[in-house]
Amino acid sequence: MNEFKQHPSFQKMNPKKQKMIELLVETLNDKKITEALPILMKWKEQMKQEGLSFTEEENKLLTEIFSAQMTPAQRKQYEFLKPFIKY
């Protein structure tokens, strides 16, 4: 579940970003995609307020983290919605 912590992109990340990702992963655990989207949007707004943004490499890691927790049906929904959700 926390394999992402070993990812080079995660390990190079600002510690504040790491904490935000860990919090998000914990919060999204076992949530349906319909429950996860409002949480993700709130998290995104908090990141913006704190002046944090992600590099392209970090965005790829975020996508991997979220996809790993989804069922195949949820992944399909996520892929459809992904263009509308920029971290």
C-alpha atoms as a PDB file:
ATOM      1  CA  MET A   1       0.000   0.000   0.000  1.00  0.00           C
ATOM      2  CA  ASN A   2       2.795   2.442   0.816  1.00  0.00           C
ATOM      3  CA  GLU A   3       5.157   1.262  -1.923  1.00  0.00           C
ATOM      4  CA  PHE A   4       5.007   4.773  -3.351  1.00  0.00           C
ATOM      5  CA  LYS A   5       7.202   5.954  -0.476  1.00  0.00           C
ATOM      6  CA  GLN A   6      10.085   4.030  -2.049  1.00  0.00           C
ATOM      7  CA  HIS A   7       9.581   5.688  -5.450  1.00  0.00           C
ATOM      8  CA  PRO A   8      12.491   8.008  -6.389  1.00  0.00           C
ATOM      9  CA  SER A   9      10.062  10.819  -7.273  1.00  0.00           C
ATOM     10  CA  PHE A  10       8.523  10.633  -3.812  1.00  0.00           C
ATOM     11  CA  GLN A  11      11.861  10.490  -2.050  1.00  0.00           C
ATOM     12  CA  LYS A  12      13.110  13.610  -3.886  1.00  0.00           C
ATOM     13  CA  MET A  13       9.950  15.527  -3.038  1.00  0.00           C
ATOM     14  CA  ASN A  14       9.659  18.421  -0.646  1.00  0.00           C
ATOM     15  CA  PRO A  15       8.745  16.965   2.800  1.00  0.00           C
ATOM     16  CA  LYS A  16       5.611  19.123   2.870  1.00  0.00           C
ATOM     17  CA  LYS A  17       4.427  17.546  -0.393  1.00  0.00           C
ATOM     18  CA  GLN A  18       5.230  14.097   0.962  1.00  0.00           C
ATOM     19  CA  LYS A  19       3.060  14.740   4.028  1.00  0.00           C
ATOM     20  CA  MET A  20       0.194  16.021   1.875  1.00  0.00           C
ATOM     21  CA  ILE A  21       0.335  12.892  -0.310  1.00  0.00           C
ATOM     22  CA  GLU A  22       0.460  10.596   2.708  1.00  0.00           C
ATOM     23  CA  LEU A  23      -2.559  12.383   4.182  1.00  0.00           C
ATOM     24  CA  LEU A  24      -4.464  12.121   0.918  1.00  0.00           C
ATOM     25  CA  VAL A  25      -3.675   8.414   0.498  1.00  0.00           C
ATOM     26  CA  GLU A  26      -4.843   7.741   4.045  1.00  0.00           C
ATOM     27  CA  THR A  27      -8.025   9.768   3.507  1.00  0.00           C
ATOM     28  CA  LEU A  28      -8.879   8.119   0.171  1.00  0.00           C
ATOM     29  CA  ASN A  29      -8.336   4.576   1.418  1.00  0.00           C
ATOM     30  CA  ASP A  30     -11.414   2.416   0.655  1.00  0.00           C
ATOM     31  CA  LYS A  31     -13.386   5.315  -0.827  1.00  0.00           C
ATOM     32  CA  LYS A  32     -15.528   4.992  -3.935  1.00  0.00           C
ATOM     33  CA  ILE A  33     -14.581   7.306  -6.785  1.00  0.00           C
ATOM     34  CA  THR A  34     -17.689   9.399  -6.141  1.00  0.00           C
ATOM     35  CA  GLU A  35     -16.526   9.887  -2.557  1.00  0.00           C
ATOM     36  CA  ALA A  36     -12.916  10.439  -3.563  1.00  0.00           C
ATOM     37  CA  LEU A  37     -13.445  13.252  -6.064  1.00  0.00           C
ATOM     38  CA  PRO A  38     -14.698  15.856  -3.552  1.00  0.00           C
ATOM     39  CA  ILE A  39     -11.845  14.908  -1.213  1.00  0.00           C
ATOM     40  CA  LEU A  40      -9.354  15.253  -4.054  1.00  0.00           C
ATOM     41  CA  MET A  41     -10.733  18.650  -5.038  1.00  0.00           C
ATOM     42  CA  LYS A  42     -10.528  19.903  -1.437  1.00  0.00           C
ATOM     43  CA  TRP A  43      -6.965  18.577  -1.188  1.00  0.00           C
ATOM     44  CA  LYS A  44      -6.077  20.291  -4.452  1.00  0.00           C
ATOM     45  CA  GLU A  45      -7.395  23.608  -3.093  1.00  0.00           C
ATOM     46  CA  GLN A  46      -5.364  23.165   0.100  1.00  0.00           C
ATOM     47  CA  MET A  47      -2.234  22.537  -1.984  1.00  0.00           C
ATOM     48  CA  LYS A  48      -2.932  25.730  -3.919  1.00  0.00           C
ATOM     49  CA  GLN A  49      -3.403  27.732  -0.711  1.00  0.00           C
ATOM     50  CA  GLU A  50      -0.068  26.478   0.569  1.00  0.00           C
ATOM     51  CA  GLY A  51       1.632  27.367  -2.707  1.00  0.00           C
ATOM     52  CA  LEU A  52       2.532  23.770  -3.502  1.00  0.00           C
ATOM     53  CA  SER A  53       2.450  22.298  -6.986  1.00  0.00           C
ATOM     54  CA  PHE A  54       3.765  19.150  -8.592  1.00  0.00           C
ATOM     55  CA  THR A  55       6.243  18.538 -11.369  1.00  0.00           C
ATOM     56  CA  GLU A  56       5.285  16.324 -14.308  1.00  0.00           C
ATOM     57  CA  GLU A  57       7.245  13.445 -12.726  1.00  0.00           C
ATOM     58  CA  GLU A  58       5.421  13.937  -9.411  1.00  0.00           C
ATOM     59  CA  ASN A  59       2.065  14.045 -11.218  1.00  0.00           C
ATOM     60  CA  LYS A  60       2.830  10.667 -12.790  1.00  0.00           C
ATOM     61  CA  LEU A  61       3.543   9.273  -9.325  1.00  0.00           C
ATOM     62  CA  LEU A  62       0.248  10.676  -8.005  1.00  0.00           C
ATOM     63  CA  THR A  63      -1.609   8.977 -10.843  1.00  0.00           C
ATOM     64  CA  GLU A  64       0.131   5.686 -10.044  1.00  0.00           C
ATOM     65  CA  ILE A  65      -0.765   6.001  -6.355  1.00  0.00           C
ATOM     66  CA  PHE A  66      -4.426   6.682  -7.033  1.00  0.00           C
ATOM     67  CA  SER A  67      -4.743   4.050  -9.754  1.00  0.00           C
ATOM     68  CA  ALA A  68      -3.244   1.368  -7.528  1.00  0.00           C
ATOM     69  CA  GLN A  69      -6.081   1.815  -5.034  1.00  0.00           C
ATOM     70  CA  MET A  70      -8.880   1.595  -7.610  1.00  0.00           C
ATOM     71  CA  THR A  71     -10.909  -1.261  -8.988  1.00  0.00           C
ATOM     72  CA  PRO A  72     -10.863  -1.700 -12.777  1.00  0.00           C
ATOM     73  CA  ALA A  73     -14.244   0.079 -13.038  1.00  0.00           C
ATOM     74  CA  GLN A  74     -12.975   2.962 -10.916  1.00  0.00           C
ATOM     75  CA  ARG A  75      -9.832   3.210 -13.065  1.00  0.00           C
ATOM     76  CA  LYS A  76     -12.019   3.524 -16.147  1.00  0.00           C
ATOM     77  CA  GLN A  77     -13.994   6.329 -14.498  1.00  0.00           C
ATOM     78  CA  TYR A  78     -10.782   8.001 -13.356  1.00  0.00           C
ATOM     79  CA  GLU A  79      -9.267   7.851 -16.843  1.00  0.00           C
ATOM     80  CA  PHE A  80     -12.369   9.585 -18.171  1.00  0.00           C
ATOM     81  CA  LEU A  81     -12.200  12.293 -15.494  1.00  0.00           C
ATOM     82  CA  LYS A  82      -8.409  12.698 -15.395  1.00  0.00           C
ATOM     83  CA  PRO A  83      -8.237  15.493 -18.012  1.00  0.00           C
ATOM     84  CA  PHE A  84     -10.450  17.579 -15.737  1.00  0.00           C
ATOM     85  CA  ILE A  85      -8.333  16.970 -12.630  1.00  0.00           C
ATOM     86  CA  LYS A  86      -4.913  18.579 -12.682  1.00  0.00           C
ATOM     87  CA  TYR A  87      -2.909  18.277  -9.492  1.00  0.00           C
END
